[in-house]
C-alpha atoms as a PDB file:
ATOM      1  CA  MET A   1     -71.744 149.872  87.707  1.00  0.00           C
ATOM      2  CA  VAL A   2     -70.047 146.979  86.146  1.00  0.00           C
ATOM      3  CA  SER A   3     -70.275 143.208  87.188  1.00  0.00           C
ATOM      4  CA  ALA A   4     -67.218 141.073  86.489  1.00  0.00           C
ATOM      5  CA  VAL A   5     -67.251 137.249  85.722  1.00  0.00           C
ATOM      6  CA  LEU A   6     -63.956 135.545  86.447  1.00  0.00           C
ATOM      7  CA  LEU A   7     -63.559 132.185  84.712  1.00  0.00           C
ATOM      8  CA  ALA A   8     -61.733 129.778  86.981  1.00  0.00           C
ATOM      9  CA  ALA A   9     -63.198 126.434  86.370  1.00  0.00           C
ATOM     10  CA  GLY A  10     -60.346 124.807  84.486  1.00  0.00           C
ATOM     11  CA  ALA A  11     -58.436 121.797  85.712  1.00  0.00           C
ATOM     12  CA  GLY A  12     -55.054 122.894  84.417  1.00  0.00           C
ATOM     13  CA  VAL A  13     -54.251 119.393  83.016  1.00  0.00           C
ATOM     14  CA  ARG A  14     -51.488 120.473  80.801  1.00  0.00           C
ATOM     15  CA  LEU A  15     -49.668 122.007  83.818  1.00  0.00           C
ATOM     16  CA  GLY A  16     -50.251 118.971  86.143  1.00  0.00           C
ATOM     17  CA  ARG A  17     -50.522 121.359  89.285  1.00  0.00           C
ATOM     18  CA  GLY A  18     -54.198 121.167  89.734  1.00  0.00           C
ATOM     19  CA  PRO A  19     -56.550 124.083  89.144  1.00  0.00           C
ATOM     20  CA  LYS A  20     -54.857 127.002  87.660  1.00  0.00           C
ATOM     21  CA  ALA A  21     -56.983 129.218  89.937  1.00  0.00           C
ATOM     22  CA  LEU A  22     -54.652 128.270  92.812  1.00  0.00           C
ATOM     23  CA  LEU A  23     -51.291 129.022  91.192  1.00  0.00           C
ATOM     24  CA  PRO A  24     -49.290 131.182  93.626  1.00  0.00           C
ATOM     25  CA  TYR A  25     -49.057 134.870  92.691  1.00  0.00           C
ATOM     26  CA  GLN A  26     -47.792 137.584  95.000  1.00  0.00           C
ATOM     27  CA  GLY A  27     -48.289 135.427  98.008  1.00  0.00           C
ATOM     28  CA  ARG A  28     -51.800 134.323  97.359  1.00  0.00           C
ATOM     29  CA  PRO A  29     -53.799 132.146  95.007  1.00  0.00           C
ATOM     30  CA  LEU A  30     -54.054 133.800  91.593  1.00  0.00           C
ATOM     31  CA  VAL A  31     -57.960 133.565  91.677  1.00  0.00           C
ATOM     32  CA  GLU A  32     -57.876 135.620  94.885  1.00  0.00           C
ATOM     33  CA  HIS A  33     -55.434 138.105  93.454  1.00  0.00           C
ATOM     34  CA  LEU A  34     -57.453 138.740  90.370  1.00  0.00           C
ATOM     35  CA  SER A  35     -60.681 139.003  92.319  1.00  0.00           C
ATOM     36  CA  ALA A  36     -59.349 141.809  94.185  1.00  0.00           C
ATOM     37  CA  GLU A  37     -57.816 143.421  91.159  1.00  0.00           C
ATOM     38  CA  LEU A  38     -61.198 143.443  89.374  1.00  0.00           C
ATOM     39  CA  ARG A  39     -62.906 145.164  92.414  1.00  0.00           C
ATOM     40  CA  ARG A  40     -59.994 147.666  92.774  1.00  0.00           C
ATOM     41  CA  GLY A  41     -60.439 148.495  89.016  1.00  0.00           C
ATOM     42  CA  GLY A  42     -64.099 149.428  89.530  1.00  0.00           C
ATOM     43  CA  CYS A  43     -66.212 146.316  89.242  1.00  0.00           C
ATOM     44  CA  ALA A  44     -69.083 146.601  91.736  1.00  0.00           C
ATOM     45  CA  ARG A  45     -69.420 142.740  92.164  1.00  0.00           C
ATOM     46  CA  VAL A  46     -67.338 139.772  91.066  1.00  0.00           C
ATOM     47  CA  ILE A  47     -68.769 136.527  89.979  1.00  0.00           C
ATOM     48  CA  VAL A  48     -66.033 133.640  90.342  1.00  0.00           C
ATOM     49  CA  VAL A  49     -67.003 130.674  88.246  1.00  0.00           C
ATOM     50  CA  LEU A  50     -65.321 127.427  89.639  1.00  0.00           C
ATOM     51  CA  GLY A  51     -65.364 123.861  88.348  1.00  0.00           C
ATOM     52  CA  ALA A  52     -62.420 121.441  88.807  1.00  0.00           C
ATOM     53  CA  GLY A  53     -61.394 121.219  92.334  1.00  0.00           C
ATOM     54  CA  SER A  54     -64.048 123.761  93.473  1.00  0.00           C
ATOM     55  CA  ALA A  55     -63.993 122.555  97.133  1.00  0.00           C
ATOM     56  CA  ARG A  56     -60.292 122.969  97.237  1.00  0.00           C
ATOM     57  CA  VAL A  57     -60.331 126.457  95.636  1.00  0.00           C
ATOM     58  CA  ARG A  58     -62.906 127.550  98.020  1.00  0.00           C
ATOM     59  CA  ALA A  59     -60.904 126.227 100.982  1.00  0.00           C
ATOM     60  CA  GLU A  60     -57.587 127.771  99.937  1.00  0.00           C
ATOM     61  CA  ALA A  61     -58.507 130.930  98.371  1.00  0.00           C
ATOM     62  CA  ASP A  62     -60.296 133.735 100.143  1.00  0.00           C
ATOM     63  CA  LEU A  63     -63.234 134.510  97.988  1.00  0.00           C
ATOM     64  CA  ALA A  64     -65.638 135.778 100.726  1.00  0.00           C
ATOM     65  CA  ALA A  65     -66.028 139.185  98.962  1.00  0.00           C
ATOM     66  CA  SER A  66     -67.132 137.495  95.504  1.00  0.00           C
ATOM     67  CA  HIS A  67     -70.165 135.613  94.426  1.00  0.00           C
ATOM     68  CA  VAL A  68     -69.112 131.968  93.664  1.00  0.00           C
ATOM     69  CA  VAL A  69     -70.785 129.911  91.153  1.00  0.00           C
ATOM     70  CA  VAL A  70     -69.854 126.247  90.736  1.00  0.00           C
ATOM     71  CA  ASN A  71     -70.298 125.023  87.176  1.00  0.00           C
ATOM     72  CA  PRO A  72     -71.060 121.290  87.179  1.00  0.00           C
ATOM     73  CA  ASP A  73     -70.396 121.056  83.438  1.00  0.00           C
ATOM     74  CA  TRP A  74     -67.090 122.597  83.499  1.00  0.00           C
ATOM     75  CA  GLU A  75     -65.505 119.676  81.635  1.00  0.00           C
ATOM     76  CA  THR A  76     -67.440 120.484  78.525  1.00  0.00           C
ATOM     77  CA  GLY A  77     -65.272 123.557  78.216  1.00  0.00           C
ATOM     78  CA  MET A  78     -65.150 127.272  78.820  1.00  0.00           C
ATOM     79  CA  GLY A  79     -68.498 127.814  76.999  1.00  0.00           C
ATOM     80  CA  SER A  80     -70.664 126.438  79.951  1.00  0.00           C
ATOM     81  CA  SER A  81     -68.557 128.493  82.368  1.00  0.00           C
ATOM     82  CA  PHE A  82     -69.101 131.657  80.514  1.00  0.00           C
ATOM     83  CA  ARG A  83     -72.884 130.918  80.379  1.00  0.00           C
ATOM     84  CA  ALA A  84     -73.035 130.108  83.997  1.00  0.00           C
ATOM     85  CA  GLY A  85     -71.165 133.517  84.829  1.00  0.00           C
ATOM     86  CA  ILE A  86     -73.266 135.607  82.550  1.00  0.00           C
ATOM     87  CA  ALA A  87     -76.564 134.047  83.820  1.00  0.00           C
ATOM     88  CA  GLU A  88     -75.464 135.012  87.528  1.00  0.00           C
ATOM     89  CA  ALA A  89     -74.330 138.415  86.630  1.00  0.00           C
ATOM     90  CA  THR A  90     -77.415 139.375  84.740  1.00  0.00           C
ATOM     91  CA  ALA A  91     -79.638 137.892  87.502  1.00  0.00           C
ATOM     92  CA  LEU A  92     -77.883 139.996  90.210  1.00  0.00           C
ATOM     93  CA  ALA A  93     -77.747 143.211  87.975  1.00  0.00           C
ATOM     94  CA  PRO A  94     -79.789 142.954  84.834  1.00  0.00           C
ATOM     95  CA  GLY A  95     -78.933 146.234  83.366  1.00  0.00           C
ATOM     96  CA  GLU A  96     -75.119 146.307  84.069  1.00  0.00           C
ATOM     97  CA  PRO A  97     -72.352 145.555  81.619  1.00  0.00           C
ATOM     98  CA  VAL A  98     -70.468 142.563  82.299  1.00  0.00           C
ATOM     99  CA  LEU A  99     -66.658 142.303  82.160  1.00  0.00           C
ATOM    100  CA  VAL A 100     -65.254 138.740  81.569  1.00  0.00           C
ATOM    101  CA  ALA A 101     -61.833 137.868  82.735  1.00  0.00           C
ATOM    102  CA  LEU A 102     -59.711 134.663  82.744  1.00  0.00           C
ATOM    103  CA  ALA A 103     -58.303 133.309  86.174  1.00  0.00           C
ATOM    104  CA  ASP A 104     -55.077 132.384  84.473  1.00  0.00           C
ATOM    105  CA  GLN A 105     -53.950 135.763  83.291  1.00  0.00           C
ATOM    106  CA  PRO A 106     -51.520 137.046  86.020  1.00  0.00           C
ATOM    107  CA  GLY A 107     -50.810 140.308  84.018  1.00  0.00           C
ATOM    108  CA  LEU A 108     -54.492 141.533  84.642  1.00  0.00           C
ATOM    109  CA  ASN A 109     -54.502 144.480  86.826  1.00  0.00           C
ATOM    110  CA  ALA A 110     -56.926 147.179  88.253  1.00  0.00           C
ATOM    111  CA  GLU A 111     -55.408 149.792  85.634  1.00  0.00           C
ATOM    112  CA  ILE A 112     -56.495 147.510  82.682  1.00  0.00           C
ATOM    113  CA  VAL A 113     -59.947 147.072  84.224  1.00  0.00           C
ATOM    114  CA  ALA A 114     -60.446 150.825  84.965  1.00  0.00           C
ATOM    115  CA  ARG A 115     -59.308 151.529  81.267  1.00  0.00           C
ATOM    116  CA  LEU A 116     -61.829 149.221  79.812  1.00  0.00           C
ATOM    117  CA  ILE A 117     -64.731 150.609  81.979  1.00  0.00           C
ATOM    118  CA  ALA A 118     -63.686 154.204  81.065  1.00  0.00           C
ATOM    119  CA  ARG A 119     -63.652 153.561  77.342  1.00  0.00           C
ATOM    120  CA  SER A 120     -66.757 151.402  77.157  1.00  0.00           C
ATOM    121  CA  ALA A 121     -69.934 152.402  75.186  1.00  0.00           C
ATOM    122  CA  PRO A 122     -73.488 151.488  75.309  1.00  0.00           C
ATOM    123  CA  ALA A 123     -74.419 148.625  72.868  1.00  0.00           C
ATOM    124  CA  ARG A 124     -70.746 147.808  72.372  1.00  0.00           C
ATOM    125  CA  VAL A 125     -68.185 145.236  73.254  1.00  0.00           C
ATOM    126  CA  SER A 126     -64.715 146.615  74.598  1.00  0.00           C
ATOM    127  CA  CYS A 127     -61.939 144.067  74.155  1.00  0.00           C
ATOM    128  CA  ALA A 128     -58.487 144.528  75.824  1.00  0.00           C
ATOM    129  CA  ALA A 129     -55.869 144.451  73.062  1.00  0.00           C
ATOM    130  CA  TYR A 130     -52.142 144.063  73.164  1.00  0.00           C
ATOM    131  CA  ARG A 131     -49.500 145.396  70.572  1.00  0.00           C
ATOM    132  CA  LEU A 132     -47.638 142.736  68.739  1.00  0.00           C
ATOM    133  CA  PRO A 133     -43.925 143.092  67.854  1.00  0.00           C
ATOM    134  CA  GLY A 134     -45.032 144.210  64.467  1.00  0.00           C
ATOM    135  CA  GLY A 135     -47.312 146.893  65.506  1.00  0.00           C
ATOM    136  CA  ASN A 136     -50.579 145.390  65.104  1.00  0.00           C
ATOM    137  CA  LEU A 137     -53.089 145.097  67.936  1.00  0.00           C
ATOM    138  CA  MET A 138     -54.195 141.541  69.107  1.00  0.00           C
ATOM    139  CA  ARG A 139     -57.484 141.089  70.714  1.00  0.00           C
ATOM    140  CA  GLY A 140     -57.451 139.568  74.049  1.00  0.00           C
ATOM    141  CA  HIS A 141     -58.982 139.490  77.533  1.00  0.00           C
ATOM    142  CA  PRO A 142     -60.626 140.810  79.598  1.00  0.00           C
ATOM    143  CA  VAL A 143     -63.770 141.689  77.494  1.00  0.00           C
ATOM    144  CA  LEU A 144     -66.572 144.065  78.535  1.00  0.00           C
ATOM    145  CA  PHE A 145     -69.913 143.528  77.170  1.00  0.00           C
ATOM    146  CA  ALA A 146     -72.994 145.871  77.147  1.00  0.00           C
ATOM    147  CA  PRO A 147     -75.731 143.774  79.000  1.00  0.00           C
ATOM    148  CA  GLN A 148     -77.753 142.870  76.015  1.00  0.00           C
ATOM    149  CA  LEU A 149     -74.665 141.729  74.203  1.00  0.00           C
ATOM    150  CA  ALA A 150     -73.493 139.743  77.202  1.00  0.00           C
ATOM    151  CA  ARG A 151     -76.652 137.683  77.006  1.00  0.00           C
ATOM    152  CA  ALA A 152     -76.356 137.209  73.216  1.00  0.00           C
ATOM    153  CA  ALA A 153     -72.782 136.010  73.563  1.00  0.00           C
ATOM    154  CA  ALA A 154     -73.656 133.651  76.204  1.00  0.00           C
ATOM    155  CA  ALA A 155     -76.468 132.075  74.150  1.00  0.00           C
ATOM    156  CA  GLY A 156     -73.881 131.069  71.519  1.00  0.00           C
ATOM    157  CA  ALA A 157     -71.055 129.953  73.918  1.00  0.00           C
ATOM    158  CA  LEU A 158     -70.384 126.329  73.118  1.00  0.00           C
ATOM    159  CA  GLY A 159     -67.463 123.986  73.792  1.00  0.00           C
ATOM    160  CA  ASP A 160     -64.304 125.801  74.572  1.00  0.00           C
ATOM    161  CA  SER A 161     -64.916 128.883  72.647  1.00  0.00           C
ATOM    162  CA  GLY A 162     -66.476 131.151  75.146  1.00  0.00           C
ATOM    163  CA  ALA A 163     -67.467 134.395  73.304  1.00  0.00           C
ATOM    164  CA  ARG A 164     -65.072 133.813  70.315  1.00  0.00           C
ATOM    165  CA  SER A 165     -67.730 132.882  67.924  1.00  0.00           C
ATOM    166  CA  PHE A 166     -69.866 135.917  68.867  1.00  0.00           C
ATOM    167  CA  LEU A 167     -67.164 138.363  68.610  1.00  0.00           C
ATOM    168  CA  ALA A 168     -65.984 136.890  65.251  1.00  0.00           C
ATOM    169  CA  ALA A 169     -69.550 137.067  63.951  1.00  0.00           C
ATOM    170  CA  HIS A 170     -69.927 140.730  64.901  1.00  0.00           C
ATOM    171  CA  PRO A 171     -66.655 142.599  64.310  1.00  0.00           C
ATOM    172  CA  GLY A 172     -68.543 145.860  63.869  1.00  0.00           C
ATOM    173  CA  LEU A 173     -69.662 145.819  67.477  1.00  0.00           C
ATOM    174  CA  VAL A 174     -66.170 145.482  68.820  1.00  0.00           C
ATOM    175  CA  ASP A 175     -63.859 148.185  70.086  1.00  0.00           C
ATOM    176  CA  LEU A 176     -60.276 147.423  70.823  1.00  0.00           C
ATOM    177  CA  VAL A 177     -58.727 149.131  73.943  1.00  0.00           C
ATOM    178  CA  GLU A 178     -54.826 149.046  74.022  1.00  0.00           C
ATOM    179  CA  CYS A 179     -53.803 147.681  77.247  1.00  0.00           C
ATOM    180  CA  GLY A 180     -49.991 148.075  77.487  1.00  0.00           C
ATOM    181  CA  PRO A 181     -47.116 148.032  77.804  1.00  0.00           C
ATOM    182  CA  GLU A 182     -47.410 146.885  81.406  1.00  0.00           C
ATOM    183  CA  THR A 183     -48.440 143.427  80.235  1.00  0.00           C
ATOM    184  CA  ASP A 184     -48.817 141.479  76.990  1.00  0.00           C
ATOM    185  CA  GLY A 185     -52.131 139.731  77.911  1.00  0.00           C
ATOM    186  CA  ARG A 186     -50.554 136.247  77.887  1.00  0.00           C
ATOM    187  CA  ASP A 187     -52.270 133.505  79.963  1.00  0.00           C
ATOM    188  CA  ILE A 188     -50.783 130.510  81.500  1.00  0.00           C
ATOM    189  CA  ASP A 189     -51.195 127.197  79.378  1.00  0.00           C
ATOM    190  CA  THR A 190     -48.082 125.383  79.373  1.00  0.00           C
ATOM    191  CA  PRO A 191     -45.196 124.892  81.995  1.00  0.00           C
ATOM    192  CA  GLU A 192     -42.996 127.473  80.120  1.00  0.00           C
ATOM    193  CA  ASP A 193     -45.890 130.009  80.901  1.00  0.00           C
ATOM    194  CA  LEU A 194     -45.405 129.683  84.652  1.00  0.00           C
ATOM    195  CA  ALA A 195     -42.663 132.408  84.380  1.00  0.00           C
ATOM    196  CA  LEU A 196     -45.548 135.024  84.122  1.00  0.00           C
ATOM    197  CA  LEU A 197     -46.224 134.215  87.770  1.00  0.00           C
ATOM    198  CA  ASP A 198     -43.056 136.139  88.493  1.00  0.00           C
ATOM    199  CA  SER A 199     -44.335 139.609  89.005  1.00  0.00           C
ATOM    200  CA  ARG A 200     -41.035 141.199  88.355  1.00  0.00           C
ATOM    201  CA  ARG A 201     -41.103 139.844  84.859  1.00  0.00           C
ATOM    202  CA  MET A 202     -44.739 140.830  84.317  1.00  0.00           C
ATOM    203  CA  HIS A 203     -44.532 144.438  85.475  1.00  0.00           C
ATOM    204  CA  GLY A 204     -40.761 145.029  85.727  1.00  0.00           C
ATOM    205  CA  PRO A 205     -38.520 145.194  88.889  1.00  0.00           C
ATOM    206  CA  GLU A 206     -39.951 146.883  91.958  1.00  0.00           C
ATOM    207  CA  GLU A 207     -38.493 150.241  92.940  1.00  0.00           C
END
């Protein structure tokens, strides 16, 4: 059994289109699509952490099957949303691993989620990794934490770093799980990245 935390609190200021959680993808808001993919990939429950425009997101996206947490401190950065999501996940299921995903990563799908769950190990962190053109693997999202490590990562999540400082401090605990070639793991940060919302470019043309 695995709990998922979907970080969806950002305002999307650089895009100028409101919360990135509401970007359209395959006919529905991106946060709604990704919540469904997390469940389809094997997560027993999905905790969605909202912040900017939370009332609008709840009104426009169907999150009835998810546990919604509103982070009042979302403006301080991703770290506070990470802490809020891990706190909710460990309260609901204290002994379960926690998979943390980003709500602006349209390439995340059930297959990636299932692969991370299948290759996870006790007392370890499994990170999705994507192969760079030169052949090296680049660590990315989502990240699956053993329960005790999820709490430790949350304790040190400050500003906009999320679990970055914890992962950098404990490289010996991290397993890279290659997740490609169906996606390169990119998220949406700039107007140029909006092309990722075209599912044909992300996953190839439909048959």
